[in-house]
Amino acid sequence: MPSASRLLALETSTDTLSVALGSGAPDGPLWQHSGPGGAMASTTLLPLVKQLLDASGWALNSLDAVVFGRGPGSFTGLRTACAVAQGLAYGAQDAARPRGLPVLPVDTLLALAEEARWNHQHAGQTPPKRIAALLDARMGELYVATYACAPAGLSPLAPARLCAPADLGAHLQADGATLLAGNVFDSYASALAELPGTRLPSLPTAAALLRLAPGLLAAGAAVAARDALPLYVRDKVAQTTDERERLRAAVAAVTP
């Protein structure tokens, strides 16, 4: 992957939609947008991608990869991001790249932890030893994953899993060295009241995906578009007919 990569990132796993275009380097170019997600993501994502491409002057087929938050998170949001990433990757097919652009699926909780790390650092705080990424899974449960935080970056300590709020303390064995990051602190305030550790409201963002992308691409984590899949953690829920039609239209809109 060249040093001045051109990367597009899509994050739609929560009620906030986030899109970013850039190199992933700390001092590199960056165009980004965030706004309402959820059910709106399937209708607004592609127009936002076009807006950022127009603003940057980059053509779709000049990109080096499409990055997306693969989950866990909203079932509809994950399917939307995956389908649009695949459609854009196929839309960039040419003689030089007959399979289109590479696609890089990134764990949503890793992106959440990276966003928390970045904001914590830029607030001048002492870097935490660990970050617990906590995302509201609805139905009275959380998605949780823990990461060691070192100057070289984040490394997973435990894979993503579902957890009841009341069981989180025992699962994390959290202490003052753990930064708790996520969108769960209001929804589950009473259940998490005794949980130790600094709390930082955070969401996964497309900008965080971009910052993670160069290292993951160098490690060979990109896949062909056809092999990109969401990560649900909770058992997959069947798509509705309306969801299938919207995603089919999203893919059709960007393929020749």
C-alpha atoms as a PDB file:
ATOM      1  CA  MET A   1       0.000   0.000   0.000  1.00  0.00           C
ATOM      2  CA  PRO A   2       1.555   3.355  -0.999  1.00  0.00           C
ATOM      3  CA  SER A   3       2.473   5.856   1.735  1.00  0.00           C
ATOM      4  CA  ALA A   4      -0.088   8.352   0.420  1.00  0.00           C
ATOM      5  CA  SER A   5      -3.021   5.959   0.296  1.00  0.00           C
ATOM      6  CA  ARG A   6      -6.482   7.112  -0.714  1.00  0.00           C
ATOM      7  CA  LEU A   7      -9.038   5.443   1.544  1.00  0.00           C
ATOM      8  CA  LEU A   8     -12.788   5.720   1.979  1.00  0.00           C
ATOM      9  CA  ALA A   9     -14.304   4.700   5.336  1.00  0.00           C
ATOM     10  CA  LEU A  10     -17.958   3.955   6.170  1.00  0.00           C
ATOM     11  CA  GLU A  11     -19.319   3.590   9.710  1.00  0.00           C
ATOM     12  CA  THR A  12     -23.062   2.976  10.168  1.00  0.00           C
ATOM     13  CA  SER A  13     -23.202   0.568  13.116  1.00  0.00           C
ATOM     14  CA  THR A  14     -24.993   3.012  15.459  1.00  0.00           C
ATOM     15  CA  ASP A  15     -27.645   5.722  15.144  1.00  0.00           C
ATOM     16  CA  THR A  16     -24.879   8.062  13.939  1.00  0.00           C
ATOM     17  CA  LEU A  17     -23.651   7.708  10.363  1.00  0.00           C
ATOM     18  CA  SER A  18     -20.019   8.615   9.699  1.00  0.00           C
ATOM     19  CA  VAL A  19     -18.109   8.816   6.406  1.00  0.00           C
ATOM     20  CA  ALA A  20     -14.483   9.836   5.906  1.00  0.00           C
ATOM     21  CA  LEU A  21     -12.051  10.106   3.036  1.00  0.00           C
ATOM     22  CA  GLY A  22      -8.299  10.441   3.508  1.00  0.00           C
ATOM     23  CA  SER A  23      -4.943   8.732   3.775  1.00  0.00           C
ATOM     24  CA  GLY A  24      -5.201   7.521   7.366  1.00  0.00           C
ATOM     25  CA  ALA A  25      -1.959   9.302   8.267  1.00  0.00           C
ATOM     26  CA  PRO A  26      -2.113  11.647  11.306  1.00  0.00           C
ATOM     27  CA  ASP A  27      -1.082  14.633   9.190  1.00  0.00           C
ATOM     28  CA  GLY A  28      -2.742  13.475   5.968  1.00  0.00           C
ATOM     29  CA  PRO A  29      -5.744  14.934   4.133  1.00  0.00           C
ATOM     30  CA  LEU A  30      -9.146  14.286   5.636  1.00  0.00           C
ATOM     31  CA  TRP A  31     -12.699  14.957   4.500  1.00  0.00           C
ATOM     32  CA  GLN A  32     -15.429  13.714   6.811  1.00  0.00           C
ATOM     33  CA  HIS A  33     -19.125  13.941   7.585  1.00  0.00           C
ATOM     34  CA  SER A  34     -21.302  12.663  10.403  1.00  0.00           C
ATOM     35  CA  GLY A  35     -25.050  12.837  10.863  1.00  0.00           C
ATOM     36  CA  PRO A  36     -28.163  10.787  11.613  1.00  0.00           C
ATOM     37  CA  GLY A  37     -27.864   7.109  10.780  1.00  0.00           C
ATOM     38  CA  GLY A  38     -30.150   4.226  11.616  1.00  0.00           C
ATOM     39  CA  ALA A  39     -32.878   3.698   9.032  1.00  0.00           C
ATOM     40  CA  MET A  40     -31.677   6.778   7.120  1.00  0.00           C
ATOM     41  CA  ALA A  41     -28.232   5.306   6.391  1.00  0.00           C
ATOM     42  CA  SER A  42     -29.261   3.332   3.312  1.00  0.00           C
ATOM     43  CA  THR A  43     -30.652   6.437   1.595  1.00  0.00           C
ATOM     44  CA  THR A  44     -28.019   9.003   2.626  1.00  0.00           C
ATOM     45  CA  LEU A  45     -24.752   7.058   2.561  1.00  0.00           C
ATOM     46  CA  LEU A  46     -24.080   7.063  -1.187  1.00  0.00           C
ATOM     47  CA  PRO A  47     -24.905  10.782  -1.693  1.00  0.00           C
ATOM     48  CA  LEU A  48     -22.512  11.590   1.162  1.00  0.00           C
ATOM     49  CA  VAL A  49     -19.774   9.474  -0.400  1.00  0.00           C
ATOM     50  CA  LYS A  50     -20.238  11.379  -3.666  1.00  0.00           C
ATOM     51  CA  GLN A  51     -20.060  14.709  -1.830  1.00  0.00           C
ATOM     52  CA  LEU A  52     -16.763  13.800  -0.209  1.00  0.00           C
ATOM     53  CA  LEU A  53     -15.289  12.482  -3.463  1.00  0.00           C
ATOM     54  CA  ASP A  54     -16.311  15.699  -5.211  1.00  0.00           C
ATOM     55  CA  ALA A  55     -14.836  17.825  -2.410  1.00  0.00           C
ATOM     56  CA  SER A  56     -11.533  15.936  -2.525  1.00  0.00           C
ATOM     57  CA  GLY A  57     -11.263  15.776  -6.305  1.00  0.00           C
ATOM     58  CA  TRP A  58     -10.549  12.048  -6.017  1.00  0.00           C
ATOM     59  CA  ALA A  59     -12.228   9.630  -8.401  1.00  0.00           C
ATOM     60  CA  LEU A  60     -13.686   6.398  -7.056  1.00  0.00           C
ATOM     61  CA  ASN A  61     -11.292   4.295  -9.133  1.00  0.00           C
ATOM     62  CA  SER A  62      -8.315   6.251  -7.736  1.00  0.00           C
ATOM     63  CA  LEU A  63      -8.921   4.884  -4.246  1.00  0.00           C
ATOM     64  CA  ASP A  64      -6.732   2.175  -2.756  1.00  0.00           C
ATOM     65  CA  ALA A  65      -9.383   0.532  -0.558  1.00  0.00           C
ATOM     66  CA  VAL A  66     -12.844   0.887   0.962  1.00  0.00           C
ATOM     67  CA  VAL A  67     -12.961   0.481   4.746  1.00  0.00           C
ATOM     68  CA  PHE A  68     -16.141  -0.292   6.694  1.00  0.00           C
ATOM     69  CA  GLY A  69     -17.154  -0.944  10.279  1.00  0.00           C
ATOM     70  CA  ARG A  70     -18.156  -4.602  10.165  1.00  0.00           C
ATOM     71  CA  GLY A  71     -19.783  -4.814  13.603  1.00  0.00           C
ATOM     72  CA  PRO A  72     -21.054  -5.648  16.034  1.00  0.00           C
ATOM     73  CA  GLY A  73     -23.822  -3.075  16.003  1.00  0.00           C
ATOM     74  CA  SER A  74     -27.144  -2.345  14.346  1.00  0.00           C
ATOM     75  CA  PHE A  75     -28.059  -5.224  12.028  1.00  0.00           C
ATOM     76  CA  THR A  76     -29.457  -2.884   9.374  1.00  0.00           C
ATOM     77  CA  GLY A  77     -26.506  -0.520   9.674  1.00  0.00           C
ATOM     78  CA  LEU A  78     -23.943  -3.303   9.306  1.00  0.00           C
ATOM     79  CA  ARG A  79     -25.674  -4.742   6.246  1.00  0.00           C
ATOM     80  CA  THR A  80     -25.879  -1.270   4.701  1.00  0.00           C
ATOM     81  CA  ALA A  81     -22.180  -0.519   5.211  1.00  0.00           C
ATOM     82  CA  CYS A  82     -21.122  -3.915   3.882  1.00  0.00           C
ATOM     83  CA  ALA A  83     -23.361  -3.743   0.801  1.00  0.00           C
ATOM     84  CA  VAL A  84     -22.311  -0.196  -0.063  1.00  0.00           C
ATOM     85  CA  ALA A  85     -18.621  -1.005   0.462  1.00  0.00           C
ATOM     86  CA  GLN A  86     -18.993  -3.984  -1.877  1.00  0.00           C
ATOM     87  CA  GLY A  87     -20.911  -1.946  -4.441  1.00  0.00           C
ATOM     88  CA  LEU A  88     -18.321   0.833  -4.468  1.00  0.00           C
ATOM     89  CA  ALA A  89     -15.476  -1.682  -4.709  1.00  0.00           C
ATOM     90  CA  TYR A  90     -17.112  -3.385  -7.698  1.00  0.00           C
ATOM     91  CA  GLY A  91     -17.884   0.015  -9.222  1.00  0.00           C
ATOM     92  CA  ALA A  92     -14.143   0.732  -9.450  1.00  0.00           C
ATOM     93  CA  GLN A  93     -13.427  -2.324 -11.601  1.00  0.00           C
ATOM     94  CA  ASP A  94     -11.169  -1.674 -14.579  1.00  0.00           C
ATOM     95  CA  ALA A  95      -8.512  -3.491 -16.597  1.00  0.00           C
ATOM     96  CA  ALA A  96      -5.890  -2.905 -13.908  1.00  0.00           C
ATOM     97  CA  ARG A  97      -8.182  -4.119 -11.118  1.00  0.00           C
ATOM     98  CA  PRO A  98     -10.642  -6.627 -12.531  1.00  0.00           C
ATOM     99  CA  ARG A  99     -11.888  -7.512  -9.026  1.00  0.00           C
ATOM    100  CA  GLY A 100     -12.362  -3.879  -8.076  1.00  0.00           C
ATOM    101  CA  LEU A 101     -11.026  -2.243  -4.936  1.00  0.00           C
ATOM    102  CA  PRO A 102      -9.902  -4.180  -1.865  1.00  0.00           C
ATOM    103  CA  VAL A 103     -12.338  -3.989   1.047  1.00  0.00           C
ATOM    104  CA  LEU A 104     -11.145  -3.714   4.641  1.00  0.00           C
ATOM    105  CA  PRO A 105     -13.641  -4.862   7.308  1.00  0.00           C
ATOM    106  CA  VAL A 106     -12.762  -3.403  10.740  1.00  0.00           C
ATOM    107  CA  ASP A 107     -14.286  -4.373  14.082  1.00  0.00           C
ATOM    108  CA  THR A 108     -16.665  -1.667  15.292  1.00  0.00           C
ATOM    109  CA  LEU A 109     -15.461  -1.979  18.889  1.00  0.00           C
ATOM    110  CA  LEU A 110     -11.852  -1.517  17.765  1.00  0.00           C
ATOM    111  CA  ALA A 111     -12.905   1.698  15.998  1.00  0.00           C
ATOM    112  CA  LEU A 112     -14.728   2.806  19.155  1.00  0.00           C
ATOM    113  CA  ALA A 113     -11.611   2.144  21.253  1.00  0.00           C
ATOM    114  CA  GLU A 114      -9.442   4.025  18.753  1.00  0.00           C
ATOM    115  CA  GLU A 115     -11.766   7.037  18.817  1.00  0.00           C
ATOM    116  CA  ALA A 116     -11.642   7.028  22.625  1.00  0.00           C
ATOM    117  CA  ARG A 117      -7.840   6.695  22.609  1.00  0.00           C
ATOM    118  CA  TRP A 118      -7.519   9.586  20.158  1.00  0.00           C
ATOM    119  CA  ASN A 119      -9.849  11.891  22.105  1.00  0.00           C
ATOM    120  CA  HIS A 120      -8.265  10.945  25.446  1.00  0.00           C
ATOM    121  CA  GLN A 121      -4.805  11.695  24.071  1.00  0.00           C
ATOM    122  CA  HIS A 122      -5.808  15.017  22.531  1.00  0.00           C
ATOM    123  CA  ALA A 123      -7.405  16.080  25.792  1.00  0.00           C
ATOM    124  CA  GLY A 124      -3.938  15.813  27.361  1.00  0.00           C
ATOM    125  CA  GLN A 125      -4.832  12.842  29.566  1.00  0.00           C
ATOM    126  CA  THR A 126      -2.412  10.131  30.665  1.00  0.00           C
ATOM    127  CA  PRO A 127      -2.798   7.187  28.268  1.00  0.00           C
ATOM    128  CA  PRO A 128      -4.821   4.341  29.805  1.00  0.00           C
ATOM    129  CA  LYS A 129      -3.386   0.840  30.092  1.00  0.00           C
ATOM    130  CA  ARG A 130      -6.589  -0.681  28.763  1.00  0.00           C
ATOM    131  CA  ILE A 131      -9.714   0.459  26.973  1.00  0.00           C
ATOM    132  CA  ALA A 132     -13.042  -1.324  27.347  1.00  0.00           C
ATOM    133  CA  ALA A 133     -15.206  -0.559  24.310  1.00  0.00           C
ATOM    134  CA  LEU A 134     -18.895  -0.712  25.246  1.00  0.00           C
ATOM    135  CA  LEU A 135     -21.701  -0.446  22.722  1.00  0.00           C
ATOM    136  CA  ASP A 136     -25.419  -0.624  23.463  1.00  0.00           C
ATOM    137  CA  ALA A 137     -26.719  -3.881  21.962  1.00  0.00           C
ATOM    138  CA  ARG A 138     -30.345  -3.119  22.940  1.00  0.00           C
ATOM    139  CA  MET A 139     -32.471  -5.860  24.526  1.00  0.00           C
ATOM    140  CA  GLY A 140     -30.822  -5.119  27.889  1.00  0.00           C
ATOM    141  CA  GLU A 141     -27.326  -6.155  26.722  1.00  0.00           C
ATOM    142  CA  LEU A 142     -23.985  -4.622  25.776  1.00  0.00           C
ATOM    143  CA  TYR A 143     -21.378  -5.447  23.183  1.00  0.00           C
ATOM    144  CA  VAL A 144     -17.978  -5.369  24.872  1.00  0.00           C
ATOM    145  CA  ALA A 145     -14.339  -5.888  23.876  1.00  0.00           C
ATOM    146  CA  THR A 146     -11.150  -4.926  25.709  1.00  0.00           C
ATOM    147  CA  TYR A 147      -7.884  -3.639  24.248  1.00  0.00           C
ATOM    148  CA  ALA A 148      -4.408  -3.017  25.590  1.00  0.00           C
ATOM    149  CA  CYS A 149      -3.316   0.530  24.851  1.00  0.00           C
ATOM    150  CA  ALA A 150       0.375   1.017  24.032  1.00  0.00           C
ATOM    151  CA  PRO A 151       2.392   3.585  22.038  1.00  0.00           C
ATOM    152  CA  ALA A 152       2.396   1.142  19.116  1.00  0.00           C
ATOM    153  CA  GLY A 153      -1.435   1.054  19.088  1.00  0.00           C
ATOM    154  CA  LEU A 154      -4.299  -1.068  20.348  1.00  0.00           C
ATOM    155  CA  SER A 155      -4.192  -4.835  20.700  1.00  0.00           C
ATOM    156  CA  PRO A 156      -7.183  -7.023  21.602  1.00  0.00           C
ATOM    157  CA  LEU A 157      -7.279  -8.661  25.023  1.00  0.00           C
ATOM    158  CA  ALA A 158     -10.629 -10.397  24.558  1.00  0.00           C
ATOM    159  CA  PRO A 159     -12.915 -10.793  21.530  1.00  0.00           C
ATOM    160  CA  ALA A 160     -16.233  -9.012  21.195  1.00  0.00           C
ATOM    161  CA  ARG A 161     -19.084 -10.574  23.147  1.00  0.00           C
ATOM    162  CA  LEU A 162     -22.526  -9.850  24.533  1.00  0.00           C
ATOM    163  CA  CYS A 163     -22.787  -9.051  28.214  1.00  0.00           C
ATOM    164  CA  ALA A 164     -25.536  -8.077  30.634  1.00  0.00           C
ATOM    165  CA  PRO A 165     -24.750  -4.698  32.257  1.00  0.00           C
ATOM    166  CA  ALA A 166     -24.859  -6.231  35.743  1.00  0.00           C
ATOM    167  CA  ASP A 167     -22.195  -8.792  34.719  1.00  0.00           C
ATOM    168  CA  LEU A 168     -19.793  -6.319  33.125  1.00  0.00           C
ATOM    169  CA  GLY A 169     -17.645  -5.735  36.211  1.00  0.00           C
ATOM    170  CA  ALA A 170     -16.920  -9.438  36.654  1.00  0.00           C
ATOM    171  CA  HIS A 171     -16.177  -9.854  32.947  1.00  0.00           C
ATOM    172  CA  LEU A 172     -13.798  -6.880  32.724  1.00  0.00           C
ATOM    173  CA  GLN A 173     -12.209  -7.142  36.151  1.00  0.00           C
ATOM    174  CA  ALA A 174     -11.997  -3.389  35.628  1.00  0.00           C
ATOM    175  CA  ASP A 175      -9.869  -1.065  37.731  1.00  0.00           C
ATOM    176  CA  GLY A 176      -8.693   2.521  37.625  1.00  0.00           C
ATOM    177  CA  ALA A 177      -6.317   1.721  34.764  1.00  0.00           C
ATOM    178  CA  THR A 178      -9.177   0.835  32.434  1.00  0.00           C
ATOM    179  CA  LEU A 179     -10.811   3.547  30.332  1.00  0.00           C
ATOM    180  CA  LEU A 180     -14.493   2.748  29.801  1.00  0.00           C
ATOM    181  CA  ALA A 181     -15.591   4.104  26.432  1.00  0.00           C
ATOM    182  CA  GLY A 182     -18.930   3.855  24.670  1.00  0.00           C
ATOM    183  CA  ASN A 183     -22.574   4.899  24.483  1.00  0.00           C
ATOM    184  CA  VAL A 184     -23.953   2.899  27.425  1.00  0.00           C
ATOM    185  CA  PHE A 185     -23.493   5.156  30.435  1.00  0.00           C
ATOM    186  CA  ASP A 186     -26.901   6.845  30.301  1.00  0.00           C
ATOM    187  CA  SER A 187     -28.932   3.814  29.226  1.00  0.00           C
ATOM    188  CA  TYR A 188     -27.519   1.548  31.942  1.00  0.00           C
ATOM    189  CA  ALA A 189     -26.546   4.129  34.570  1.00  0.00           C
ATOM    190  CA  SER A 190     -27.824   2.224  37.606  1.00  0.00           C
ATOM    191  CA  ALA A 191     -26.349  -1.142  36.565  1.00  0.00           C
ATOM    192  CA  LEU A 192     -22.930   0.431  35.873  1.00  0.00           C
ATOM    193  CA  ALA A 193     -22.894   2.794  38.855  1.00  0.00           C
ATOM    194  CA  GLU A 194     -20.281   0.808  40.821  1.00  0.00           C
ATOM    195  CA  LEU A 195     -18.060  -0.068  37.870  1.00  0.00           C
ATOM    196  CA  PRO A 196     -14.551   1.427  38.409  1.00  0.00           C
ATOM    197  CA  GLY A 197     -12.655   3.292  35.710  1.00  0.00           C
ATOM    198  CA  THR A 198     -12.794   6.600  33.880  1.00  0.00           C
ATOM    199  CA  ARG A 199     -15.808   6.947  31.587  1.00  0.00           C
ATOM    200  CA  LEU A 200     -15.616   8.533  28.162  1.00  0.00           C
ATOM    201  CA  PRO A 201     -18.772   8.779  26.008  1.00  0.00           C
ATOM    202  CA  SER A 202     -17.649   7.631  22.556  1.00  0.00           C
ATOM    203  CA  LEU A 203     -18.870   6.212  19.272  1.00  0.00           C
ATOM    204  CA  PRO A 204     -17.024   4.433  16.466  1.00  0.00           C
ATOM    205  CA  THR A 205     -16.233   6.893  13.669  1.00  0.00           C
ATOM    206  CA  ALA A 206     -15.094   6.715  10.070  1.00  0.00           C
ATOM    207  CA  ALA A 207     -12.074   8.860  10.979  1.00  0.00           C
ATOM    208  CA  ALA A 208     -11.054   6.201  13.514  1.00  0.00           C
ATOM    209  CA  LEU A 209     -11.420   3.558  10.799  1.00  0.00           C
ATOM    210  CA  LEU A 210      -9.046   5.585   8.610  1.00  0.00           C
ATOM    211  CA  ARG A 211      -6.445   5.831  11.377  1.00  0.00           C
ATOM    212  CA  LEU A 212      -6.573   2.064  11.896  1.00  0.00           C
ATOM    213  CA  ALA A 213      -6.569   1.198   8.198  1.00  0.00           C
ATOM    214  CA  PRO A 214      -2.861   1.583   7.261  1.00  0.00           C
ATOM    215  CA  GLY A 215      -1.724  -0.891   9.918  1.00  0.00           C
ATOM    216  CA  LEU A 216      -4.486  -3.373   9.123  1.00  0.00           C
ATOM    217  CA  LEU A 217      -3.812  -3.139   5.387  1.00  0.00           C
ATOM    218  CA  ALA A 218      -0.101  -3.722   5.987  1.00  0.00           C
ATOM    219  CA  ALA A 219      -1.047  -6.795   8.040  1.00  0.00           C
ATOM    220  CA  GLY A 220      -3.018  -8.204   5.102  1.00  0.00           C
ATOM    221  CA  ALA A 221      -6.510  -7.750   6.562  1.00  0.00           C
ATOM    222  CA  ALA A 222      -8.121  -6.549   3.307  1.00  0.00           C
ATOM    223  CA  VAL A 223     -10.351  -8.952   1.380  1.00  0.00           C
ATOM    224  CA  ALA A 224     -11.959  -9.105  -2.047  1.00  0.00           C
ATOM    225  CA  ALA A 225     -15.339  -7.373  -2.163  1.00  0.00           C
ATOM    226  CA  ARG A 226     -17.215 -10.663  -2.457  1.00  0.00           C
ATOM    227  CA  ASP A 227     -15.623 -11.904   0.776  1.00  0.00           C
ATOM    228  CA  ALA A 228     -16.561  -8.928   2.952  1.00  0.00           C
ATOM    229  CA  LEU A 229     -19.026  -9.872   5.699  1.00  0.00           C
ATOM    230  CA  PRO A 230     -20.575  -8.194   8.756  1.00  0.00           C
ATOM    231  CA  LEU A 231     -19.751  -9.365  12.281  1.00  0.00           C
ATOM    232  CA  TYR A 232     -22.988  -9.695  14.232  1.00  0.00           C
ATOM    233  CA  VAL A 233     -21.948 -11.392  17.564  1.00  0.00           C
ATOM    234  CA  ARG A 234     -25.650 -11.730  18.411  1.00  0.00           C
ATOM    235  CA  ASP A 235     -27.432 -14.241  16.184  1.00  0.00           C
ATOM    236  CA  LYS A 236     -28.239 -12.694  12.827  1.00  0.00           C
ATOM    237  CA  VAL A 237     -31.784 -11.433  12.351  1.00  0.00           C
ATOM    238  CA  ALA A 238     -33.339 -11.958   8.927  1.00  0.00           C
ATOM    239  CA  GLN A 239     -33.583  -8.970   6.641  1.00  0.00           C
ATOM    240  CA  THR A 240     -36.976  -7.558   5.879  1.00  0.00           C
ATOM    241  CA  THR A 241     -38.091  -7.329   2.255  1.00  0.00           C
ATOM    242  CA  ASP A 242     -37.764  -3.547   2.448  1.00  0.00           C
ATOM    243  CA  GLU A 243     -34.160  -3.807   3.702  1.00  0.00           C
ATOM    244  CA  ARG A 244     -33.247  -6.207   0.917  1.00  0.00           C
ATOM    245  CA  GLU A 245     -34.703  -3.896  -1.714  1.00  0.00           C
ATOM    246  CA  ARG A 246     -32.909  -0.832  -0.327  1.00  0.00           C
ATOM    247  CA  LEU A 247     -29.546  -2.598  -0.229  1.00  0.00           C
ATOM    248  CA  ARG A 248     -30.048  -4.040  -3.708  1.00  0.00           C
ATOM    249  CA  ALA A 249     -30.747  -0.524  -4.988  1.00  0.00           C
ATOM    250  CA  ALA A 250     -27.661   0.815  -3.181  1.00  0.00           C
ATOM    251  CA  VAL A 251     -25.414  -1.705  -4.914  1.00  0.00           C
ATOM    252  CA  ALA A 252     -27.090  -1.164  -8.304  1.00  0.00           C
ATOM    253  CA  ALA A 253     -26.558   2.599  -8.017  1.00  0.00           C
ATOM    254  CA  VAL A 254     -22.776   2.267  -8.017  1.00  0.00           C
ATOM    255  CA  THR A 255     -22.196  -0.679 -10.368  1.00  0.00           C
ATOM    256  CA  PRO A 256     -21.862  -0.199 -14.125  1.00  0.00           C
END
